[in-house]
Each structure stands twice: as C-alpha cells, then as structure tokens.
Amino acid sequence: MTPQTLIGLALQMPGAYEDHPFGPESVIIKVEGRIFAQIFTLRGVDSATLNCDRMTGDFYRQMFPGVVVRGYHCPPVQQPYFNTFPLGAVPDRAIREMLGHSYETVVGKLPKYKRERLKAAAQAPRREAGR
C-alpha cells in the first residue's frame, strides 16, 4: 500500500482530517483532535504507526513478527498501544483492518456526545460536489 492510499482511506473515516504538527515530512490523521494514523518515512522506508489496544497490538506483532513492531517513537509505557510497520511489508487487507481498529479505538475513548456526533455525520447523506 502506498502512503497516498493509506492517507486516502484514513480520510474517508467520519470526522477524519489531515494535520502536520511534526512538520511536512509526516502526515497525521486525526479525529476530534486525537491522532489515529501517522504516515511517515523511517530510514528511507514508507511507514505508518496506528493506535491499538494491547491485545490487538500483540496479535498483529505475532502475525507479522519483526515487521509490525511496537510504536517506535512512543515512551515505553505507551508502546503496547501503537504498532509501527513498513507499508510495503504488510498485506493491504491487514493494513485496512489495523486502520479501522485504530479509528475505532480512538473514537471509543471520546466522550459520548462526540461519538454520537460522528455517528450522525457518518449516517447523513453525502452531497455531491457542486450541489
């Protein structure tokens, strides 16, 4: 999967938007001010870091040993809750699953009124461009 494809998929999530708080070299995708996807180049390799719960994080690290690793940039106490991986080394289907889990993990921690607002936005009919 290319970085552009992952960014496009992430931005399709209700309420998702792009940000660059760490500079132009990394793309951060947020929902309600919280990061759920980070896309960047690590040692010349297109990579991503996604949120996860501890059990799901362990599952993907065991499924792709040495490829999906604990969040490389996180303090040790937060590492089990993030997975980092090179985009070209993990099947697209697994990346899509991890992205969906990351989004749901972050949204699940939001206050109820924000979760309901996102749910309503997701169910609202979309307007076509120019209308």
N, C-alpha and C. Protein backbone atom coordinates (compact mmCIF):
# COMPACT_ATOMS: atom_id res chain seq x y z
N MET A 1 0.86 -1.18 0.00
CA MET A 1 0.00 0.00 0.00
C MET A 1 0.90 1.24 0.00
N THR A 2 0.51 2.21 -0.75
CA THR A 2 1.28 3.45 -0.80
C THR A 2 0.83 4.38 0.33
N PRO A 3 1.69 5.34 0.70
CA PRO A 3 1.27 6.31 1.70
C PRO A 3 0.01 7.06 1.26
N GLN A 4 -0.09 7.41 -0.01
CA GLN A 4 -1.24 8.15 -0.51
C GLN A 4 -2.53 7.34 -0.37
N THR A 5 -2.45 6.04 -0.62
CA THR A 5 -3.62 5.18 -0.48
C THR A 5 -4.06 5.12 0.97
N LEU A 6 -3.10 4.94 1.88
CA LEU A 6 -3.43 4.87 3.31
C LEU A 6 -4.03 6.19 3.79
N ILE A 7 -3.45 7.29 3.37
CA ILE A 7 -3.99 8.61 3.74
C ILE A 7 -5.42 8.75 3.22
N GLY A 8 -5.65 8.36 1.97
CA GLY A 8 -6.99 8.44 1.39
C GLY A 8 -8.00 7.59 2.16
N LEU A 9 -7.60 6.39 2.53
CA LEU A 9 -8.50 5.52 3.31
C LEU A 9 -8.81 6.14 4.67
N ALA A 10 -7.78 6.66 5.32
CA ALA A 10 -7.97 7.25 6.65
C ALA A 10 -8.89 8.46 6.58
N LEU A 11 -8.74 9.26 5.53
CA LEU A 11 -9.56 10.47 5.41
C LEU A 11 -11.02 10.17 5.08
N GLN A 12 -11.32 8.94 4.69
CA GLN A 12 -12.71 8.56 4.44
C GLN A 12 -13.47 8.27 5.73
N MET A 13 -12.75 8.13 6.83
CA MET A 13 -13.41 7.85 8.12
C MET A 13 -14.16 9.10 8.57
N PRO A 14 -15.34 8.94 9.16
CA PRO A 14 -16.12 10.11 9.60
C PRO A 14 -15.33 11.02 10.53
N GLY A 15 -15.29 12.30 10.18
CA GLY A 15 -14.63 13.30 11.02
C GLY A 15 -13.12 13.34 10.90
N ALA A 16 -12.52 12.51 10.05
CA ALA A 16 -11.07 12.46 9.92
C ALA A 16 -10.55 13.67 9.15
N TYR A 17 -9.39 14.15 9.57
CA TYR A 17 -8.74 15.24 8.85
C TYR A 17 -7.23 15.13 8.98
N GLU A 18 -6.54 15.74 8.03
CA GLU A 18 -5.08 15.70 7.95
C GLU A 18 -4.47 16.85 8.72
N ASP A 19 -3.33 16.58 9.35
CA ASP A 19 -2.60 17.60 10.10
C ASP A 19 -1.10 17.33 9.94
N HIS A 20 -0.29 18.34 10.21
CA HIS A 20 1.17 18.22 10.11
C HIS A 20 1.84 18.85 11.32
N PRO A 21 1.52 18.41 12.55
CA PRO A 21 2.08 19.05 13.74
C PRO A 21 3.58 18.81 13.92
N PHE A 22 4.12 17.78 13.26
CA PHE A 22 5.54 17.45 13.41
C PHE A 22 6.35 17.86 12.18
N GLY A 23 5.75 18.68 11.32
CA GLY A 23 6.43 19.13 10.12
C GLY A 23 5.86 18.46 8.88
N PRO A 24 6.28 18.94 7.71
CA PRO A 24 5.69 18.44 6.46
C PRO A 24 6.09 17.01 6.11
N GLU A 25 7.11 16.46 6.77
CA GLU A 25 7.58 15.12 6.41
C GLU A 25 6.71 13.99 6.97
N SER A 26 5.79 14.31 7.86
CA SER A 26 4.89 13.27 8.37
C SER A 26 3.45 13.75 8.28
N VAL A 27 2.58 12.82 7.88
CA VAL A 27 1.16 13.12 7.77
C VAL A 27 0.46 12.49 8.97
N ILE A 28 -0.27 13.30 9.68
CA ILE A 28 -1.00 12.85 10.86
C ILE A 28 -2.49 12.94 10.54
N ILE A 29 -3.21 11.86 10.79
CA ILE A 29 -4.66 11.85 10.57
C ILE A 29 -5.31 11.80 11.95
N LYS A 30 -6.23 12.74 12.16
CA LYS A 30 -6.89 12.88 13.46
C LYS A 30 -8.40 12.79 13.31
N VAL A 31 -9.03 12.50 14.44
CA VAL A 31 -10.48 12.62 14.57
C VAL A 31 -10.72 13.28 15.92
N GLU A 32 -11.49 14.37 15.91
CA GLU A 32 -11.77 15.11 17.15
C GLU A 32 -10.49 15.47 17.91
N GLY A 33 -9.44 15.83 17.16
CA GLY A 33 -8.20 16.27 17.79
C GLY A 33 -7.28 15.16 18.26
N ARG A 34 -7.66 13.90 18.05
CA ARG A 34 -6.85 12.78 18.50
C ARG A 34 -6.27 12.03 17.31
N ILE A 35 -5.01 11.71 17.41
CA ILE A 35 -4.30 11.01 16.33
C ILE A 35 -4.73 9.55 16.27
N PHE A 36 -5.05 9.07 15.05
CA PHE A 36 -5.27 7.64 14.89
C PHE A 36 -4.39 7.04 13.79
N ALA A 37 -3.71 7.87 12.99
CA ALA A 37 -2.80 7.36 11.98
C ALA A 37 -1.66 8.35 11.77
N GLN A 38 -0.46 7.79 11.68
CA GLN A 38 0.73 8.59 11.39
C GLN A 38 1.43 7.93 10.21
N ILE A 39 1.67 8.67 9.16
CA ILE A 39 2.32 8.15 7.97
C ILE A 39 3.57 8.96 7.74
N PHE A 40 4.71 8.28 7.56
CA PHE A 40 5.99 8.96 7.51
C PHE A 40 7.02 8.06 6.84
N THR A 41 8.21 8.59 6.62
CA THR A 41 9.31 7.81 6.09
C THR A 41 10.30 7.58 7.23
N LEU A 42 10.61 6.32 7.49
CA LEU A 42 11.52 5.94 8.56
C LEU A 42 12.72 5.22 7.94
N ARG A 43 13.89 5.84 8.04
CA ARG A 43 15.11 5.28 7.45
C ARG A 43 14.91 4.93 5.97
N GLY A 44 14.24 5.83 5.24
CA GLY A 44 14.04 5.66 3.81
C GLY A 44 12.89 4.75 3.41
N VAL A 45 12.11 4.28 4.38
CA VAL A 45 11.02 3.35 4.10
C VAL A 45 9.69 3.98 4.50
N ASP A 46 8.71 3.97 3.59
CA ASP A 46 7.37 4.48 3.91
C ASP A 46 6.77 3.60 5.00
N SER A 47 6.36 4.23 6.10
CA SER A 47 5.89 3.50 7.27
C SER A 47 4.66 4.17 7.85
N ALA A 48 4.03 3.46 8.79
CA ALA A 48 2.86 4.00 9.48
C ALA A 48 2.87 3.54 10.93
N THR A 49 2.28 4.36 11.78
CA THR A 49 2.02 3.98 13.16
C THR A 49 0.53 4.16 13.39
N LEU A 50 -0.11 3.11 13.92
CA LEU A 50 -1.54 3.13 14.19
C LEU A 50 -1.80 2.76 15.64
N ASN A 51 -2.85 3.34 16.21
CA ASN A 51 -3.25 3.02 17.58
C ASN A 51 -3.84 1.62 17.63
N CYS A 52 -3.82 1.03 18.81
CA CYS A 52 -4.43 -0.28 19.01
C CYS A 52 -4.62 -0.52 20.50
N ASP A 53 -5.45 -1.50 20.82
CA ASP A 53 -5.49 -1.93 22.21
C ASP A 53 -4.36 -2.95 22.38
N ARG A 54 -4.01 -3.26 23.61
CA ARG A 54 -2.86 -4.13 23.88
C ARG A 54 -3.01 -5.49 23.19
N MET A 55 -4.18 -6.11 23.30
CA MET A 55 -4.37 -7.45 22.76
C MET A 55 -4.28 -7.45 21.23
N THR A 56 -4.92 -6.49 20.58
CA THR A 56 -4.87 -6.42 19.12
C THR A 56 -3.46 -6.09 18.65
N GLY A 57 -2.78 -5.21 19.37
CA GLY A 57 -1.39 -4.90 19.03
C GLY A 57 -0.52 -6.14 19.07
N ASP A 58 -0.65 -6.93 20.13
CA ASP A 58 0.11 -8.19 20.24
C ASP A 58 -0.24 -9.15 19.11
N PHE A 59 -1.52 -9.23 18.76
CA PHE A 59 -1.96 -10.12 17.68
C PHE A 59 -1.22 -9.80 16.38
N TYR A 60 -1.19 -8.53 16.00
CA TYR A 60 -0.54 -8.16 14.74
C TYR A 60 0.98 -8.29 14.83
N ARG A 61 1.56 -8.04 15.99
CA ARG A 61 3.01 -8.24 16.14
C ARG A 61 3.38 -9.71 16.03
N GLN A 62 2.50 -10.60 16.49
CA GLN A 62 2.74 -12.04 16.35
C GLN A 62 2.46 -12.52 14.93
N MET A 63 1.48 -11.92 14.29
CA MET A 63 1.13 -12.31 12.92
C MET A 63 2.24 -11.90 11.94
N PHE A 64 2.88 -10.76 12.20
CA PHE A 64 3.94 -10.25 11.33
C PHE A 64 5.19 -9.97 12.18
N PRO A 65 5.83 -11.02 12.72
CA PRO A 65 6.96 -10.82 13.63
C PRO A 65 8.13 -10.10 12.95
N GLY A 66 8.67 -9.12 13.67
CA GLY A 66 9.79 -8.36 13.15
C GLY A 66 9.41 -7.32 12.12
N VAL A 67 8.17 -7.33 11.68
CA VAL A 67 7.69 -6.36 10.69
C VAL A 67 6.79 -5.35 11.38
N VAL A 68 5.75 -5.84 12.05
CA VAL A 68 4.90 -4.97 12.86
C VAL A 68 5.52 -4.96 14.25
N VAL A 69 5.93 -3.78 14.68
CA VAL A 69 6.62 -3.64 15.97
C VAL A 69 5.89 -2.60 16.83
N ARG A 70 6.21 -2.59 18.11
CA ARG A 70 5.63 -1.58 19.00
C ARG A 70 5.98 -0.20 18.47
N GLY A 71 5.12 0.75 18.76
CA GLY A 71 5.33 2.12 18.30
C GLY A 71 6.75 2.59 18.58
N TYR A 72 7.53 2.81 17.54
CA TYR A 72 8.96 3.08 17.69
C TYR A 72 9.23 4.39 18.41
N HIS A 73 8.36 5.34 18.28
CA HIS A 73 8.60 6.69 18.79
C HIS A 73 7.98 6.93 20.16
N CYS A 74 7.27 5.95 20.68
CA CYS A 74 6.48 6.14 21.91
C CYS A 74 7.32 5.85 23.15
N PRO A 75 6.98 6.51 24.26
CA PRO A 75 7.60 6.13 25.54
C PRO A 75 7.23 4.67 25.84
N PRO A 76 8.08 3.93 26.56
CA PRO A 76 7.83 2.51 26.81
C PRO A 76 6.43 2.19 27.35
N VAL A 77 5.89 3.04 28.20
CA VAL A 77 4.57 2.77 28.76
C VAL A 77 3.47 2.83 27.70
N GLN A 78 3.66 3.58 26.62
CA GLN A 78 2.65 3.69 25.56
C GLN A 78 2.89 2.72 24.41
N GLN A 79 4.07 2.12 24.32
CA GLN A 79 4.41 1.28 23.17
C GLN A 79 3.42 0.15 22.89
N PRO A 80 2.86 -0.53 23.90
CA PRO A 80 1.92 -1.61 23.56
C PRO A 80 0.65 -1.13 22.88
N TYR A 81 0.41 0.17 22.88
CA TYR A 81 -0.83 0.71 22.34
C TYR A 81 -0.66 1.33 20.96
N PHE A 82 0.47 1.10 20.33
CA PHE A 82 0.75 1.59 18.99
C PHE A 82 1.55 0.53 18.25
N ASN A 83 1.27 0.36 16.97
CA ASN A 83 2.06 -0.51 16.11
C ASN A 83 2.66 0.32 14.98
N THR A 84 3.93 0.08 14.69
CA THR A 84 4.62 0.71 13.58
C THR A 84 5.02 -0.38 12.60
N PHE A 85 4.89 -0.09 11.31
CA PHE A 85 5.23 -1.09 10.29
C PHE A 85 5.54 -0.40 8.97
N PRO A 86 6.40 -1.05 8.13
CA PRO A 86 6.64 -0.54 6.78
C PRO A 86 5.45 -0.88 5.89
N LEU A 87 5.00 0.08 5.12
CA LEU A 87 3.78 -0.11 4.33
C LEU A 87 3.89 -1.24 3.31
N GLY A 88 5.05 -1.43 2.72
CA GLY A 88 5.20 -2.45 1.69
C GLY A 88 5.36 -3.86 2.22
N ALA A 89 5.48 -4.03 3.52
CA ALA A 89 5.76 -5.35 4.09
C ALA A 89 4.55 -6.02 4.74
N VAL A 90 3.42 -5.34 4.74
CA VAL A 90 2.20 -5.87 5.35
C VAL A 90 1.11 -5.88 4.28
N PRO A 91 0.35 -6.97 4.16
CA PRO A 91 -0.71 -7.01 3.15
C PRO A 91 -1.73 -5.88 3.33
N ASP A 92 -2.24 -5.39 2.22
CA ASP A 92 -3.21 -4.29 2.25
C ASP A 92 -4.41 -4.60 3.15
N ARG A 93 -4.89 -5.83 3.09
CA ARG A 93 -6.05 -6.20 3.90
C ARG A 93 -5.76 -6.01 5.39
N ALA A 94 -4.59 -6.42 5.84
CA ALA A 94 -4.22 -6.27 7.25
C ALA A 94 -4.08 -4.79 7.61
N ILE A 95 -3.54 -3.99 6.69
CA ILE A 95 -3.42 -2.56 6.96
C ILE A 95 -4.81 -1.93 7.10
N ARG A 96 -5.73 -2.31 6.22
CA ARG A 96 -7.10 -1.80 6.32
C ARG A 96 -7.74 -2.18 7.66
N GLU A 97 -7.53 -3.42 8.08
CA GLU A 97 -8.07 -3.87 9.37
C GLU A 97 -7.47 -3.07 10.52
N MET A 98 -6.15 -2.89 10.49
CA MET A 98 -5.48 -2.14 11.56
C MET A 98 -5.93 -0.69 11.57
N LEU A 99 -6.12 -0.10 10.39
CA LEU A 99 -6.59 1.28 10.30
C LEU A 99 -7.99 1.41 10.91
N GLY A 100 -8.89 0.50 10.55
CA GLY A 100 -10.24 0.53 11.11
C GLY A 100 -10.22 0.35 12.62
N HIS A 101 -9.38 -0.56 13.09
CA HIS A 101 -9.26 -0.77 14.54
C HIS A 101 -8.72 0.49 15.22
N SER A 102 -7.73 1.13 14.60
CA SER A 102 -7.14 2.34 15.17
C SER A 102 -8.20 3.43 15.31
N TYR A 103 -8.96 3.63 14.25
CA TYR A 103 -10.02 4.65 14.28
C TYR A 103 -11.02 4.32 15.39
N GLU A 104 -11.50 3.09 15.43
CA GLU A 104 -12.49 2.69 16.43
C GLU A 104 -11.93 2.80 17.85
N THR A 105 -10.66 2.50 18.03
CA THR A 105 -10.03 2.62 19.35
C THR A 105 -10.04 4.06 19.82
N VAL A 106 -9.67 4.97 18.93
CA VAL A 106 -9.63 6.39 19.30
C VAL A 106 -11.04 6.93 19.52
N VAL A 107 -11.95 6.63 18.60
CA VAL A 107 -13.33 7.12 18.73
C VAL A 107 -13.97 6.55 20.00
N GLY A 108 -13.67 5.31 20.33
CA GLY A 108 -14.23 4.69 21.51
C GLY A 108 -13.85 5.36 22.82
N LYS A 109 -12.78 6.12 22.80
CA LYS A 109 -12.32 6.83 24.01
C LYS A 109 -12.85 8.26 24.07
N LEU A 110 -13.54 8.69 23.04
CA LEU A 110 -14.10 10.05 23.02
C LEU A 110 -15.32 10.12 23.93
N PRO A 111 -15.65 11.33 24.39
CA PRO A 111 -16.90 11.48 25.15
C PRO A 111 -18.10 11.06 24.29
N LYS A 112 -19.14 10.61 24.95
CA LYS A 112 -20.32 10.09 24.26
C LYS A 112 -20.90 11.07 23.25
N TYR A 113 -20.97 12.35 23.61
CA TYR A 113 -21.57 13.32 22.68
C TYR A 113 -20.76 13.44 21.40
N LYS A 114 -19.44 13.29 21.48
CA LYS A 114 -18.62 13.35 20.27
C LYS A 114 -18.81 12.09 19.44
N ARG A 115 -18.89 10.94 20.10
CA ARG A 115 -19.12 9.69 19.37
C ARG A 115 -20.46 9.73 18.63
N GLU A 116 -21.48 10.27 19.29
CA GLU A 116 -22.80 10.35 18.66
C GLU A 116 -22.80 11.34 17.50
N ARG A 117 -22.05 12.42 17.64
CA ARG A 117 -21.96 13.39 16.55
C ARG A 117 -21.28 12.75 15.32
N LEU A 118 -20.22 11.98 15.55
CA LEU A 118 -19.54 11.29 14.45
C LEU A 118 -20.46 10.26 13.80
N LYS A 119 -21.21 9.54 14.63
CA LYS A 119 -22.14 8.54 14.10
C LYS A 119 -23.20 9.20 13.23
N ALA A 120 -23.73 10.32 13.68
CA ALA A 120 -24.74 11.04 12.91
C ALA A 120 -24.16 11.55 11.59
N ALA A 121 -22.93 12.05 11.64
CA ALA A 121 -22.28 12.54 10.42
C ALA A 121 -22.06 11.40 9.43
N ALA A 122 -21.73 10.23 9.94
CA ALA A 122 -21.48 9.08 9.07
C ALA A 122 -22.77 8.60 8.40
N GLN A 123 -23.90 8.79 9.06
CA GLN A 123 -25.18 8.32 8.53
C GLN A 123 -25.87 9.35 7.65
N ALA A 124 -25.42 10.60 7.71
CA ALA A 124 -26.04 11.66 6.91
C ALA A 124 -25.74 11.44 5.43
N PRO A 125 -26.72 11.71 4.56
CA PRO A 125 -26.45 11.56 3.12
C PRO A 125 -25.39 12.57 2.69
N ARG A 126 -24.50 12.10 1.83
CA ARG A 126 -23.44 12.99 1.35
C ARG A 126 -23.93 13.79 0.16
N ARG A 127 -23.51 15.05 0.13
CA ARG A 127 -23.84 15.92 -1.01
C ARG A 127 -22.79 15.73 -2.09
N GLU A 128 -23.24 15.80 -3.32
CA GLU A 128 -22.30 15.74 -4.43
C GLU A 128 -21.62 17.09 -4.57
N ALA A 129 -20.39 17.06 -5.03
CA ALA A 129 -19.64 18.31 -5.23
C ALA A 129 -20.40 19.21 -6.19
N GLY A 130 -20.46 20.48 -5.86
CA GLY A 130 -21.10 21.45 -6.72
C GLY A 130 -22.59 21.60 -6.50
N ARG A 131 -23.12 20.89 -5.53
CA ARG A 131 -24.57 21.00 -5.27
C ARG A 131 -24.83 21.62 -3.94
